């Protein structure tokens, strides 16, 4: 499957999802009653509820999540990647890339079983309620107040902090927030430290990355291009490695393809052979001088950069850093279309 250029927001994305079991109205009513009690609990002990809760602050205020929740549902586009990295397999999750279950870090985290996905398009409230979650993660999605209120009637819901634009929460902030809600703060911090140490190691070995402008062309097709801007989690790794982002963001027509012609170009969603069918693209200096990297949405690398959980980032670092170094230093670049 190819995600759309916009990637993480809107209702126009074609998703393939498995049908998940629905329950009757009586069961849902009981579930909602339970969830309202859980959502209003105190950090100590509520009357009639012996389970303590953990306060999680976010852009709509605060959610009270049961300590060490067991039944987890994720409805953000990439939240499952962070939950899995902390050793928790969601009961059901939001579908995005069809081949998610085949990524090596997902295979390892799930014992090869993958994850169950919600049916239909958008946020499926009845399916979520049927999963009887202890907590719902909706960090990497544009959640409005009405959606948050409706999800919170089902279970305590964790959305992004108010410090960042929608869908631009940094990966490490998302990881630590997820870890706190799952009662796995130490594990989350250890993973963040591991990824950051690898990034610092790569930067130290490649000082030439600093200040170079890297353009990410996301999902180019039919002569169109979509440029990912700085702060977007889908290019978080490039930003962290010291590359600067281009000024232009969003859709770019073939007539303006010169906007791609900077120090390094990363094409995410097409092979070199496909892109070279455009004479205008093939004539760019960054292409002719072999400073362009290509991968596809079917590749593990394409998925790793889009999901950007800690294990995904570690995978992407292994694949990308040597080839970025080659591009910066004028050496031949390996084909990453199947990386």
C-alpha atoms as a PDB file:
ATOM      1  CA  UNK A   1       0.000   0.000   0.000  1.00  0.00           C
ATOM      2  CA  UNK A   2       1.089   3.572  -0.655  1.00  0.00           C
ATOM      3  CA  UNK A   3       0.118   6.164   1.931  1.00  0.00           C
ATOM      4  CA  UNK A   4      -0.989   9.507   0.573  1.00  0.00           C
ATOM      5  CA  UNK A   5       1.317  12.493   0.562  1.00  0.00           C
ATOM      6  CA  UNK A   6      -0.371  13.949   3.620  1.00  0.00           C
ATOM      7  CA  UNK A   7       0.291  10.679   5.355  1.00  0.00           C
ATOM      8  CA  UNK A   8      -1.023  11.133   8.866  1.00  0.00           C
ATOM      9  CA  UNK A   9      -4.155  13.260   8.786  1.00  0.00           C
ATOM     10  CA  UNK A  10      -7.495  13.429   7.041  1.00  0.00           C
ATOM     11  CA  UNK A  11     -10.103  10.911   6.021  1.00  0.00           C
ATOM     12  CA  UNK A  12      -8.906  10.420   2.444  1.00  0.00           C
ATOM     13  CA  UNK A  13      -6.437   7.645   3.186  1.00  0.00           C
ATOM     14  CA  UNK A  14      -7.171   4.207   1.782  1.00  0.00           C
ATOM     15  CA  UNK A  15      -6.560   1.716   4.539  1.00  0.00           C
ATOM     16  CA  UNK A  16      -6.946  -2.058   4.470  1.00  0.00           C
ATOM     17  CA  UNK A  17      -8.189  -3.201   7.829  1.00  0.00           C
ATOM     18  CA  UNK A  18      -9.354  -6.482   9.257  1.00  0.00           C
ATOM     19  CA  UNK A  19     -12.878  -6.781  10.620  1.00  0.00           C
ATOM     20  CA  UNK A  20     -12.892  -6.644  14.415  1.00  0.00           C
ATOM     21  CA  UNK A  21     -15.676  -8.088  16.604  1.00  0.00           C
ATOM     22  CA  UNK A  22     -18.497  -5.781  17.625  1.00  0.00           C
ATOM     23  CA  UNK A  23     -20.586  -6.145  20.811  1.00  0.00           C
ATOM     24  CA  UNK A  24     -24.144  -5.423  21.796  1.00  0.00           C
ATOM     25  CA  UNK A  25     -25.481  -2.191  23.208  1.00  0.00           C
ATOM     26  CA  UNK A  26     -25.776  -3.593  26.717  1.00  0.00           C
ATOM     27  CA  UNK A  27     -22.121  -4.533  26.865  1.00  0.00           C
ATOM     28  CA  UNK A  28     -21.029  -1.147  25.501  1.00  0.00           C
ATOM     29  CA  UNK A  29     -23.157   0.667  28.072  1.00  0.00           C
ATOM     30  CA  UNK A  30     -21.541  -1.284  30.891  1.00  0.00           C
ATOM     31  CA  UNK A  31     -18.119  -0.603  29.407  1.00  0.00           C
ATOM     32  CA  UNK A  32     -18.769   3.140  29.185  1.00  0.00           C
ATOM     33  CA  UNK A  33     -19.873   3.215  32.812  1.00  0.00           C
ATOM     34  CA  UNK A  34     -16.681   1.490  33.868  1.00  0.00           C
ATOM     35  CA  UNK A  35     -14.550   3.797  31.738  1.00  0.00           C
ATOM     36  CA  UNK A  36     -16.081   6.944  33.234  1.00  0.00           C
ATOM     37  CA  UNK A  37     -15.172   5.714  36.700  1.00  0.00           C
ATOM     38  CA  UNK A  38     -11.641   4.851  35.608  1.00  0.00           C
ATOM     39  CA  UNK A  39     -11.173   8.194  33.888  1.00  0.00           C
ATOM     40  CA  UNK A  40     -12.097  10.167  36.999  1.00  0.00           C
ATOM     41  CA  UNK A  41      -9.953   8.254  39.454  1.00  0.00           C
ATOM     42  CA  UNK A  42      -7.444   9.813  41.821  1.00  0.00           C
ATOM     43  CA  UNK A  43      -3.710   9.162  42.133  1.00  0.00           C
ATOM     44  CA  UNK A  44      -4.294   7.562  45.489  1.00  0.00           C
ATOM     45  CA  UNK A  45      -7.524   5.536  45.775  1.00  0.00           C
ATOM     46  CA  UNK A  46     -11.096   6.274  44.640  1.00  0.00           C
ATOM     47  CA  UNK A  47     -14.114   5.252  46.648  1.00  0.00           C
ATOM     48  CA  UNK A  48     -15.239   1.935  45.246  1.00  0.00           C
ATOM     49  CA  UNK A  49     -12.113   1.598  43.076  1.00  0.00           C
ATOM     50  CA  UNK A  50      -9.031   0.087  44.671  1.00  0.00           C
ATOM     51  CA  UNK A  51      -6.766   0.653  41.658  1.00  0.00           C
ATOM     52  CA  UNK A  52      -4.539   3.744  41.764  1.00  0.00           C
ATOM     53  CA  UNK A  53      -4.092   5.807  38.629  1.00  0.00           C
ATOM     54  CA  UNK A  54      -1.309   7.785  36.968  1.00  0.00           C
ATOM     55  CA  UNK A  55      -1.976  11.379  35.815  1.00  0.00           C
ATOM     56  CA  UNK A  56      -0.992  12.024  32.196  1.00  0.00           C
ATOM     57  CA  UNK A  57      -1.016  15.678  31.122  1.00  0.00           C
ATOM     58  CA  UNK A  58      -1.859  16.547  27.503  1.00  0.00           C
ATOM     59  CA  UNK A  59      -3.361  19.273  25.329  1.00  0.00           C
ATOM     60  CA  UNK A  60      -6.884  18.730  26.690  1.00  0.00           C
ATOM     61  CA  UNK A  61      -5.888  18.616  30.343  1.00  0.00           C
ATOM     62  CA  UNK A  62      -5.203  15.354  32.115  1.00  0.00           C
ATOM     63  CA  UNK A  63      -6.116  11.681  31.887  1.00  0.00           C
ATOM     64  CA  UNK A  64      -5.966   9.264  34.808  1.00  0.00           C
ATOM     65  CA  UNK A  65      -4.578   5.988  33.507  1.00  0.00           C
ATOM     66  CA  UNK A  66      -4.742   2.793  35.603  1.00  0.00           C
ATOM     67  CA  UNK A  67      -1.355   1.717  36.905  1.00  0.00           C
ATOM     68  CA  UNK A  68       0.255  -0.862  34.583  1.00  0.00           C
ATOM     69  CA  UNK A  69      -2.626  -1.102  32.078  1.00  0.00           C
ATOM     70  CA  UNK A  70      -2.884  -4.454  30.339  1.00  0.00           C
ATOM     71  CA  UNK A  71      -5.440  -3.910  27.588  1.00  0.00           C
ATOM     72  CA  UNK A  72      -4.058  -1.248  25.252  1.00  0.00           C
ATOM     73  CA  UNK A  73      -5.620   0.195  22.099  1.00  0.00           C
ATOM     74  CA  UNK A  74      -3.782   2.603  19.779  1.00  0.00           C
ATOM     75  CA  UNK A  75      -5.572   4.871  17.316  1.00  0.00           C
ATOM     76  CA  UNK A  76      -2.758   7.260  16.396  1.00  0.00           C
ATOM     77  CA  UNK A  77      -1.082   6.447  13.096  1.00  0.00           C
ATOM     78  CA  UNK A  78       2.191   5.279  14.651  1.00  0.00           C
ATOM     79  CA  UNK A  79       1.379   4.785  18.358  1.00  0.00           C
ATOM     80  CA  UNK A  80       1.629   1.008  18.040  1.00  0.00           C
ATOM     81  CA  UNK A  81       5.346   1.311  17.233  1.00  0.00           C
ATOM     82  CA  UNK A  82       6.037   2.956  20.581  1.00  0.00           C
ATOM     83  CA  UNK A  83       3.832   0.609  22.577  1.00  0.00           C
ATOM     84  CA  UNK A  84       5.463  -2.463  21.021  1.00  0.00           C
ATOM     85  CA  UNK A  85       8.944  -1.115  21.759  1.00  0.00           C
ATOM     86  CA  UNK A  86       7.984  -1.121  25.447  1.00  0.00           C
ATOM     87  CA  UNK A  87       6.971  -4.769  25.406  1.00  0.00           C
ATOM     88  CA  UNK A  88       3.196  -4.315  25.122  1.00  0.00           C
ATOM     89  CA  UNK A  89       1.229  -5.796  22.219  1.00  0.00           C
ATOM     90  CA  UNK A  90      -1.960  -3.755  21.644  1.00  0.00           C
ATOM     91  CA  UNK A  91      -5.311  -5.522  21.677  1.00  0.00           C
ATOM     92  CA  UNK A  92      -6.132  -3.638  18.481  1.00  0.00           C
ATOM     93  CA  UNK A  93      -4.468  -0.777  16.647  1.00  0.00           C
ATOM     94  CA  UNK A  94      -4.937   1.748  13.841  1.00  0.00           C
ATOM     95  CA  UNK A  95      -3.933   0.423  10.410  1.00  0.00           C
ATOM     96  CA  UNK A  96      -1.603   2.422   8.184  1.00  0.00           C
ATOM     97  CA  UNK A  97       1.037   0.544   6.149  1.00  0.00           C
ATOM     98  CA  UNK A  98      -0.265  -2.854   5.024  1.00  0.00           C
ATOM     99  CA  UNK A  99       3.099  -4.560   5.524  1.00  0.00           C
ATOM    100  CA  UNK A 100       3.596  -3.306   9.102  1.00  0.00           C
ATOM    101  CA  UNK A 101       3.440  -6.818  10.560  1.00  0.00           C
ATOM    102  CA  UNK A 102       6.395  -7.855   8.387  1.00  0.00           C
ATOM    103  CA  UNK A 103       8.855  -5.247   9.656  1.00  0.00           C
ATOM    104  CA  UNK A 104      11.690  -6.995  11.515  1.00  0.00           C
ATOM    105  CA  UNK A 105      11.239  -5.039  14.758  1.00  0.00           C
ATOM    106  CA  UNK A 106       7.492  -5.803  14.713  1.00  0.00           C
ATOM    107  CA  UNK A 107       8.118  -9.481  14.039  1.00  0.00           C
ATOM    108  CA  UNK A 108      10.456  -9.588  17.027  1.00  0.00           C
ATOM    109  CA  UNK A 109       8.107  -7.693  19.347  1.00  0.00           C
ATOM    110  CA  UNK A 110       5.072  -9.845  18.500  1.00  0.00           C
ATOM    111  CA  UNK A 111       6.743 -13.220  18.088  1.00  0.00           C
ATOM    112  CA  UNK A 112       5.863 -13.115  14.399  1.00  0.00           C
ATOM    113  CA  UNK A 113       2.124 -12.735  15.034  1.00  0.00           C
ATOM    114  CA  UNK A 114       1.756  -9.055  14.162  1.00  0.00           C
ATOM    115  CA  UNK A 115      -1.010  -6.840  15.533  1.00  0.00           C
ATOM    116  CA  UNK A 116      -4.790  -6.777  15.081  1.00  0.00           C
ATOM    117  CA  UNK A 117      -6.094  -3.688  13.265  1.00  0.00           C
ATOM    118  CA  UNK A 118      -9.324  -1.741  13.382  1.00  0.00           C
ATOM    119  CA  UNK A 119     -11.850  -2.225  10.606  1.00  0.00           C
ATOM    120  CA  UNK A 120     -13.089   0.474   8.283  1.00  0.00           C
ATOM    121  CA  UNK A 121     -11.830   4.041   7.939  1.00  0.00           C
ATOM    122  CA  UNK A 122     -11.191   6.590  10.648  1.00  0.00           C
ATOM    123  CA  UNK A 123     -11.600   5.969  14.365  1.00  0.00           C
ATOM    124  CA  UNK A 124     -13.981   3.059  14.906  1.00  0.00           C
ATOM    125  CA  UNK A 125     -15.538   3.775  18.295  1.00  0.00           C
ATOM    126  CA  UNK A 126     -17.607   0.588  18.557  1.00  0.00           C
ATOM    127  CA  UNK A 127     -14.617  -1.612  17.722  1.00  0.00           C
ATOM    128  CA  UNK A 128     -12.512   0.262  20.263  1.00  0.00           C
ATOM    129  CA  UNK A 129     -15.177  -0.192  22.939  1.00  0.00           C
ATOM    130  CA  UNK A 130     -15.455  -3.889  22.067  1.00  0.00           C
ATOM    131  CA  UNK A 131     -11.748  -4.305  22.831  1.00  0.00           C
ATOM    132  CA  UNK A 132     -12.409  -3.251  26.455  1.00  0.00           C
ATOM    133  CA  UNK A 133      -9.240  -1.145  26.724  1.00  0.00           C
ATOM    134  CA  UNK A 134      -7.641   0.030  29.936  1.00  0.00           C
ATOM    135  CA  UNK A 135      -6.064   2.906  28.007  1.00  0.00           C
ATOM    136  CA  UNK A 136      -6.252   4.382  24.512  1.00  0.00           C
ATOM    137  CA  UNK A 137      -3.280   6.055  22.818  1.00  0.00           C
ATOM    138  CA  UNK A 138      -4.064   8.720  20.228  1.00  0.00           C
ATOM    139  CA  UNK A 139      -0.850  10.751  20.248  1.00  0.00           C
ATOM    140  CA  UNK A 140       0.032  10.738  16.541  1.00  0.00           C
ATOM    141  CA  UNK A 141      -3.278  11.922  15.114  1.00  0.00           C
ATOM    142  CA  UNK A 142      -5.101  15.227  14.893  1.00  0.00           C
ATOM    143  CA  UNK A 143      -7.572  14.772  17.762  1.00  0.00           C
ATOM    144  CA  UNK A 144     -10.148  17.471  18.462  1.00  0.00           C
ATOM    145  CA  UNK A 145     -12.025  17.987  21.713  1.00  0.00           C
ATOM    146  CA  UNK A 146     -15.132  16.124  20.555  1.00  0.00           C
ATOM    147  CA  UNK A 147     -13.104  13.081  19.477  1.00  0.00           C
ATOM    148  CA  UNK A 148     -11.146  13.113  22.719  1.00  0.00           C
ATOM    149  CA  UNK A 149     -14.345  13.317  24.784  1.00  0.00           C
ATOM    150  CA  UNK A 150     -15.873  10.407  22.925  1.00  0.00           C
ATOM    151  CA  UNK A 151     -12.760   8.243  23.288  1.00  0.00           C
ATOM    152  CA  UNK A 152     -12.477   9.150  26.966  1.00  0.00           C
ATOM    153  CA  UNK A 153     -15.971   7.769  27.549  1.00  0.00           C
ATOM    154  CA  UNK A 154     -14.566   4.392  26.525  1.00  0.00           C
ATOM    155  CA  UNK A 155     -11.264   4.509  28.445  1.00  0.00           C
ATOM    156  CA  UNK A 156      -8.665   7.010  29.657  1.00  0.00           C
ATOM    157  CA  UNK A 157      -7.164   8.472  26.491  1.00  0.00           C
ATOM    158  CA  UNK A 158      -3.617   9.788  26.016  1.00  0.00           C
ATOM    159  CA  UNK A 159      -3.162  12.439  23.328  1.00  0.00           C
ATOM    160  CA  UNK A 160      -0.227  14.677  22.468  1.00  0.00           C
ATOM    161  CA  UNK A 161       1.078  17.451  24.729  1.00  0.00           C
ATOM    162  CA  UNK A 162      -0.048  20.978  23.997  1.00  0.00           C
ATOM    163  CA  UNK A 163       3.540  22.112  23.413  1.00  0.00           C
ATOM    164  CA  UNK A 164       3.632  20.984  19.761  1.00  0.00           C
ATOM    165  CA  UNK A 165       1.522  21.353  16.623  1.00  0.00           C
ATOM    166  CA  UNK A 166      -0.763  18.433  15.840  1.00  0.00           C
ATOM    167  CA  UNK A 167       1.177  15.402  14.610  1.00  0.00           C
ATOM    168  CA  UNK A 168       4.563  16.995  15.347  1.00  0.00           C
ATOM    169  CA  UNK A 169       5.333  15.592  18.782  1.00  0.00           C
ATOM    170  CA  UNK A 170       9.044  14.605  18.778  1.00  0.00           C
ATOM    171  CA  UNK A 171       9.646  10.873  18.845  1.00  0.00           C
ATOM    172  CA  UNK A 172      11.424  10.951  22.217  1.00  0.00           C
ATOM    173  CA  UNK A 173       8.640  12.997  23.834  1.00  0.00           C
ATOM    174  CA  UNK A 174       6.097  10.518  22.467  1.00  0.00           C
ATOM    175  CA  UNK A 175       8.164   7.617  23.762  1.00  0.00           C
ATOM    176  CA  UNK A 176       8.488   9.009  27.287  1.00  0.00           C
ATOM    177  CA  UNK A 177       4.805   9.935  27.400  1.00  0.00           C
ATOM    178  CA  UNK A 178       3.880   6.414  26.319  1.00  0.00           C
ATOM    179  CA  UNK A 179       6.269   4.933  28.867  1.00  0.00           C
ATOM    180  CA  UNK A 180       4.743   6.953  31.695  1.00  0.00           C
ATOM    181  CA  UNK A 181       1.234   5.869  30.771  1.00  0.00           C
ATOM    182  CA  UNK A 182       2.280   2.197  30.596  1.00  0.00           C
ATOM    183  CA  UNK A 183       4.237   2.279  33.842  1.00  0.00           C
ATOM    184  CA  UNK A 184       7.465   1.745  31.895  1.00  0.00           C
ATOM    185  CA  UNK A 185       9.260   5.069  32.305  1.00  0.00           C
ATOM    186  CA  UNK A 186      12.669   3.501  32.945  1.00  0.00           C
ATOM    187  CA  UNK A 187      12.421   1.322  29.839  1.00  0.00           C
ATOM    188  CA  UNK A 188      11.317   4.298  27.739  1.00  0.00           C
ATOM    189  CA  UNK A 189      14.205   6.436  28.967  1.00  0.00           C
ATOM    190  CA  UNK A 190      16.688   3.632  28.272  1.00  0.00           C
ATOM    191  CA  UNK A 191      15.410   3.317  24.692  1.00  0.00           C
ATOM    192  CA  UNK A 192      15.532   7.082  24.158  1.00  0.00           C
ATOM    193  CA  UNK A 193      19.098   7.135  25.474  1.00  0.00           C
ATOM    194  CA  UNK A 194      20.074   4.267  23.171  1.00  0.00           C
ATOM    195  CA  UNK A 195      18.709   5.962  20.064  1.00  0.00           C
ATOM    196  CA  UNK A 196      20.173   9.342  20.971  1.00  0.00           C
ATOM    197  CA  UNK A 197      23.568   7.778  21.625  1.00  0.00           C
ATOM    198  CA  UNK A 198      23.516   6.179  18.173  1.00  0.00           C
ATOM    199  CA  UNK A 199      22.557   9.518  16.616  1.00  0.00           C
ATOM    200  CA  UNK A 200      25.375  11.324  18.407  1.00  0.00           C
ATOM    201  CA  UNK A 201      27.813   8.614  17.307  1.00  0.00           C
ATOM    202  CA  UNK A 202      26.713   9.044  13.679  1.00  0.00           C
ATOM    203  CA  UNK A 203      27.029  12.837  13.889  1.00  0.00           C
ATOM    204  CA  UNK A 204      30.509  12.624  15.390  1.00  0.00           C
ATOM    205  CA  UNK A 205      31.623  10.277  12.615  1.00  0.00           C
ATOM    206  CA  UNK A 206      30.029  12.473   9.929  1.00  0.00           C
ATOM    207  CA  UNK A 207      30.561  16.172  10.706  1.00  0.00           C
ATOM    208  CA  UNK A 208      29.774  16.892   7.055  1.00  0.00           C
ATOM    209  CA  UNK A 209      26.061  16.298   7.751  1.00  0.00           C
ATOM    210  CA  UNK A 210      25.789  19.530   9.734  1.00  0.00           C
ATOM    211  CA  UNK A 211      24.240  22.371   7.793  1.00  0.00           C
ATOM    212  CA  UNK A 212      23.616  20.427   4.595  1.00  0.00           C
ATOM    213  CA  UNK A 213      20.079  20.859   3.250  1.00  0.00           C
ATOM    214  CA  UNK A 214      18.358  17.504   2.802  1.00  0.00           C
ATOM    215  CA  UNK A 215      15.084  17.520   0.877  1.00  0.00           C
ATOM    216  CA  UNK A 216      12.657  14.665   1.516  1.00  0.00           C
ATOM    217  CA  UNK A 217      10.304  14.001  -1.401  1.00  0.00           C
ATOM    218  CA  UNK A 218       7.500  11.877   0.018  1.00  0.00           C
ATOM    219  CA  UNK A 219       5.476   9.673  -2.283  1.00  0.00           C
ATOM    220  CA  UNK A 220       6.248  11.223  -5.683  1.00  0.00           C
ATOM    221  CA  UNK A 221       3.919  10.013  -8.400  1.00  0.00           C
ATOM    222  CA  UNK A 222       2.469  11.163 -11.714  1.00  0.00           C
ATOM    223  CA  UNK A 223       4.879  14.073 -11.930  1.00  0.00           C
ATOM    224  CA  UNK A 224       3.939  15.425  -8.498  1.00  0.00           C
ATOM    225  CA  UNK A 225       6.074  15.739  -5.395  1.00  0.00           C
ATOM    226  CA  UNK A 226       5.340  16.324  -1.706  1.00  0.00           C
ATOM    227  CA  UNK A 227       8.126  17.847   0.396  1.00  0.00           C
ATOM    228  CA  UNK A 228       8.327  16.984   4.078  1.00  0.00           C
ATOM    229  CA  UNK A 229       9.230  19.960   6.273  1.00  0.00           C
ATOM    230  CA  UNK A 230      11.377  20.269   9.372  1.00  0.00           C
ATOM    231  CA  UNK A 231       9.628  19.121  12.552  1.00  0.00           C
ATOM    232  CA  UNK A 232       7.600  16.454  10.750  1.00  0.00           C
ATOM    233  CA  UNK A 233       8.247  13.105  12.493  1.00  0.00           C
ATOM    234  CA  UNK A 234       8.691  11.428   9.100  1.00  0.00           C
ATOM    235  CA  UNK A 235      12.004  13.270   8.700  1.00  0.00           C
ATOM    236  CA  UNK A 236      12.895  13.373  12.401  1.00  0.00           C
ATOM    237  CA  UNK A 237      15.991  11.255  11.863  1.00  0.00           C
ATOM    238  CA  UNK A 238      17.422  13.573   9.209  1.00  0.00           C
ATOM    239  CA  UNK A 239      16.837  16.571  11.461  1.00  0.00           C
ATOM    240  CA  UNK A 240      18.498  14.805  14.388  1.00  0.00           C
ATOM    241  CA  UNK A 241      21.556  13.927  12.296  1.00  0.00           C
ATOM    242  CA  UNK A 242      22.184  17.618  11.678  1.00  0.00           C
ATOM    243  CA  UNK A 243      20.672  18.103   8.232  1.00  0.00           C
ATOM    244  CA  UNK A 244      18.619  21.220   7.569  1.00  0.00           C
ATOM    245  CA  UNK A 245      15.221  21.122   5.857  1.00  0.00           C
ATOM    246  CA  UNK A 246      14.244  22.961   2.701  1.00  0.00           C
ATOM    247  CA  UNK A 247      11.952  25.978   3.024  1.00  0.00           C
ATOM    248  CA  UNK A 248       9.240  24.663   0.690  1.00  0.00           C
ATOM    249  CA  UNK A 249       6.709  22.275   2.269  1.00  0.00           C
ATOM    250  CA  UNK A 250       3.836  20.404   0.652  1.00  0.00           C
ATOM    251  CA  UNK A 251       2.864  19.738  -2.933  1.00  0.00           C
ATOM    252  CA  UNK A 252       5.341  20.736  -5.649  1.00  0.00           C
ATOM    253  CA  UNK A 253       4.485  20.510  -9.326  1.00  0.00           C
ATOM    254  CA  UNK A 254       6.853  19.311 -12.031  1.00  0.00           C
ATOM    255  CA  UNK A 255       7.289  22.927 -13.104  1.00  0.00           C
ATOM    256  CA  UNK A 256       8.810  23.738  -9.706  1.00  0.00           C
ATOM    257  CA  UNK A 257      10.913  20.614  -9.353  1.00  0.00           C
ATOM    258  CA  UNK A 258      14.035  22.771  -9.002  1.00  0.00           C
ATOM    259  CA  UNK A 259      13.012  23.174  -5.340  1.00  0.00           C
ATOM    260  CA  UNK A 260      14.344  19.631  -4.857  1.00  0.00           C
ATOM    261  CA  UNK A 261      17.820  20.596  -6.069  1.00  0.00           C
ATOM    262  CA  UNK A 262      19.737  21.114  -2.820  1.00  0.00           C
ATOM    263  CA  UNK A 263      22.646  19.310  -1.123  1.00  0.00           C
ATOM    264  CA  UNK A 264      20.988  15.898  -0.619  1.00  0.00           C
ATOM    265  CA  UNK A 265      17.693  14.489  -1.901  1.00  0.00           C
ATOM    266  CA  UNK A 266      15.870  11.584  -0.260  1.00  0.00           C
ATOM    267  CA  UNK A 267      13.048  10.089  -2.324  1.00  0.00           C
ATOM    268  CA  UNK A 268      10.665   8.138  -0.110  1.00  0.00           C
ATOM    269  CA  UNK A 269       8.152   6.161  -2.147  1.00  0.00           C
ATOM    270  CA  UNK A 270       9.712   5.481  -5.560  1.00  0.00           C
ATOM    271  CA  UNK A 271      12.716   3.766  -7.123  1.00  0.00           C
ATOM    272  CA  UNK A 272      15.447   5.501  -9.086  1.00  0.00           C
ATOM    273  CA  UNK A 273      14.213   3.824 -12.256  1.00  0.00           C
ATOM    274  CA  UNK A 274      10.722   5.225 -11.736  1.00  0.00           C
ATOM    275  CA  UNK A 275      11.947   8.727 -10.996  1.00  0.00           C
ATOM    276  CA  UNK A 276      14.353   8.871 -13.938  1.00  0.00           C
ATOM    277  CA  UNK A 277      11.409   8.615 -16.337  1.00  0.00           C
ATOM    278  CA  UNK A 278      11.002  12.347 -15.766  1.00  0.00           C
ATOM    279  CA  UNK A 279      13.592  14.280 -17.836  1.00  0.00           C
ATOM    280  CA  UNK A 280      13.135  17.321 -15.605  1.00  0.00           C
ATOM    281  CA  UNK A 281      13.874  15.293 -12.474  1.00  0.00           C
ATOM    282  CA  UNK A 282      16.790  13.475 -14.127  1.00  0.00           C
ATOM    283  CA  UNK A 283      18.334  16.829 -15.038  1.00  0.00           C
ATOM    284  CA  UNK A 284      18.622  18.082 -11.462  1.00  0.00           C
ATOM    285  CA  UNK A 285      22.222  18.508 -10.266  1.00  0.00           C
ATOM    286  CA  UNK A 286      21.468  16.589  -7.060  1.00  0.00           C
ATOM    287  CA  UNK A 287      20.359  13.654  -9.247  1.00  0.00           C
ATOM    288  CA  UNK A 288      23.068  13.828 -11.907  1.00  0.00           C
ATOM    289  CA  UNK A 289      25.825  14.100  -9.283  1.00  0.00           C
ATOM    290  CA  UNK A 290      24.560  11.017  -7.412  1.00  0.00           C
ATOM    291  CA  UNK A 291      23.544  12.816  -4.242  1.00  0.00           C
ATOM    292  CA  UNK A 292      20.058  11.265  -4.236  1.00  0.00           C
ATOM    293  CA  UNK A 293      18.845   8.294  -2.169  1.00  0.00           C
ATOM    294  CA  UNK A 294      15.733   6.275  -3.068  1.00  0.00           C
ATOM    295  CA  UNK A 295      13.512   3.915  -1.113  1.00  0.00           C
ATOM    296  CA  UNK A 296       9.960   2.613  -1.531  1.00  0.00           C
ATOM    297  CA  UNK A 297       6.959   2.427   0.751  1.00  0.00           C
ATOM    298  CA  UNK A 298       7.207  -1.360   0.529  1.00  0.00           C
ATOM    299  CA  UNK A 299      10.673  -1.321   2.069  1.00  0.00           C
ATOM    300  CA  UNK A 300      11.387  -1.750   5.762  1.00  0.00           C
ATOM    301  CA  UNK A 301      13.269   1.554   5.612  1.00  0.00           C
ATOM    302  CA  UNK A 302      10.275   3.446   4.236  1.00  0.00           C
ATOM    303  CA  UNK A 303       8.154   2.079   7.062  1.00  0.00           C
ATOM    304  CA  UNK A 304      10.806   2.765   9.694  1.00  0.00           C
ATOM    305  CA  UNK A 305      10.988   6.443   8.777  1.00  0.00           C
ATOM    306  CA  UNK A 306       7.204   6.816   8.759  1.00  0.00           C
ATOM    307  CA  UNK A 307       6.508   5.015  12.054  1.00  0.00           C
ATOM    308  CA  UNK A 308       9.655   6.393  13.751  1.00  0.00           C
ATOM    309  CA  UNK A 309       9.400   4.394  16.973  1.00  0.00           C
ATOM    310  CA  UNK A 310      12.699   3.744  18.767  1.00  0.00           C
ATOM    311  CA  UNK A 311      13.331   0.314  17.240  1.00  0.00           C
ATOM    312  CA  UNK A 312      12.350   1.652  13.817  1.00  0.00           C
ATOM    313  CA  UNK A 313      14.821   4.520  14.178  1.00  0.00           C
ATOM    314  CA  UNK A 314      17.618   2.138  15.139  1.00  0.00           C
ATOM    315  CA  UNK A 315      16.856   0.119  12.016  1.00  0.00           C
ATOM    316  CA  UNK A 316      16.812   3.245   9.857  1.00  0.00           C
ATOM    317  CA  UNK A 317      20.135   4.453  11.278  1.00  0.00           C
ATOM    318  CA  UNK A 318      21.813   1.206  10.221  1.00  0.00           C
ATOM    319  CA  UNK A 319      20.495   1.538   6.681  1.00  0.00           C
ATOM    320  CA  UNK A 320      20.805   5.279   6.134  1.00  0.00           C
ATOM    321  CA  UNK A 321      23.942   6.586   7.785  1.00  0.00           C
ATOM    322  CA  UNK A 322      26.465   4.818   5.516  1.00  0.00           C
ATOM    323  CA  UNK A 323      24.619   5.946   2.369  1.00  0.00           C
ATOM    324  CA  UNK A 324      24.141   9.511   3.615  1.00  0.00           C
ATOM    325  CA  UNK A 325      27.868   9.591   4.266  1.00  0.00           C
ATOM    326  CA  UNK A 326      28.489   8.400   0.724  1.00  0.00           C
ATOM    327  CA  UNK A 327      26.192  11.085  -0.674  1.00  0.00           C
ATOM    328  CA  UNK A 328      27.867  13.873   1.294  1.00  0.00           C
ATOM    329  CA  UNK A 329      31.364  12.705   0.392  1.00  0.00           C
ATOM    330  CA  UNK A 330      30.841  11.965  -3.299  1.00  0.00           C
ATOM    331  CA  UNK A 331      30.981   8.202  -3.077  1.00  0.00           C
ATOM    332  CA  UNK A 332      28.618   5.734  -4.842  1.00  0.00           C
ATOM    333  CA  UNK A 333      25.268   5.242  -3.112  1.00  0.00           C
ATOM    334  CA  UNK A 334      23.709   1.806  -2.645  1.00  0.00           C
ATOM    335  CA  UNK A 335      20.156   1.109  -3.797  1.00  0.00           C
ATOM    336  CA  UNK A 336      17.834   1.387  -0.778  1.00  0.00           C
ATOM    337  CA  UNK A 337      14.604   0.487  -2.573  1.00  0.00           C
ATOM    338  CA  UNK A 338      14.488  -2.843  -0.690  1.00  0.00           C
ATOM    339  CA  UNK A 339      16.426  -1.822   2.411  1.00  0.00           C
END
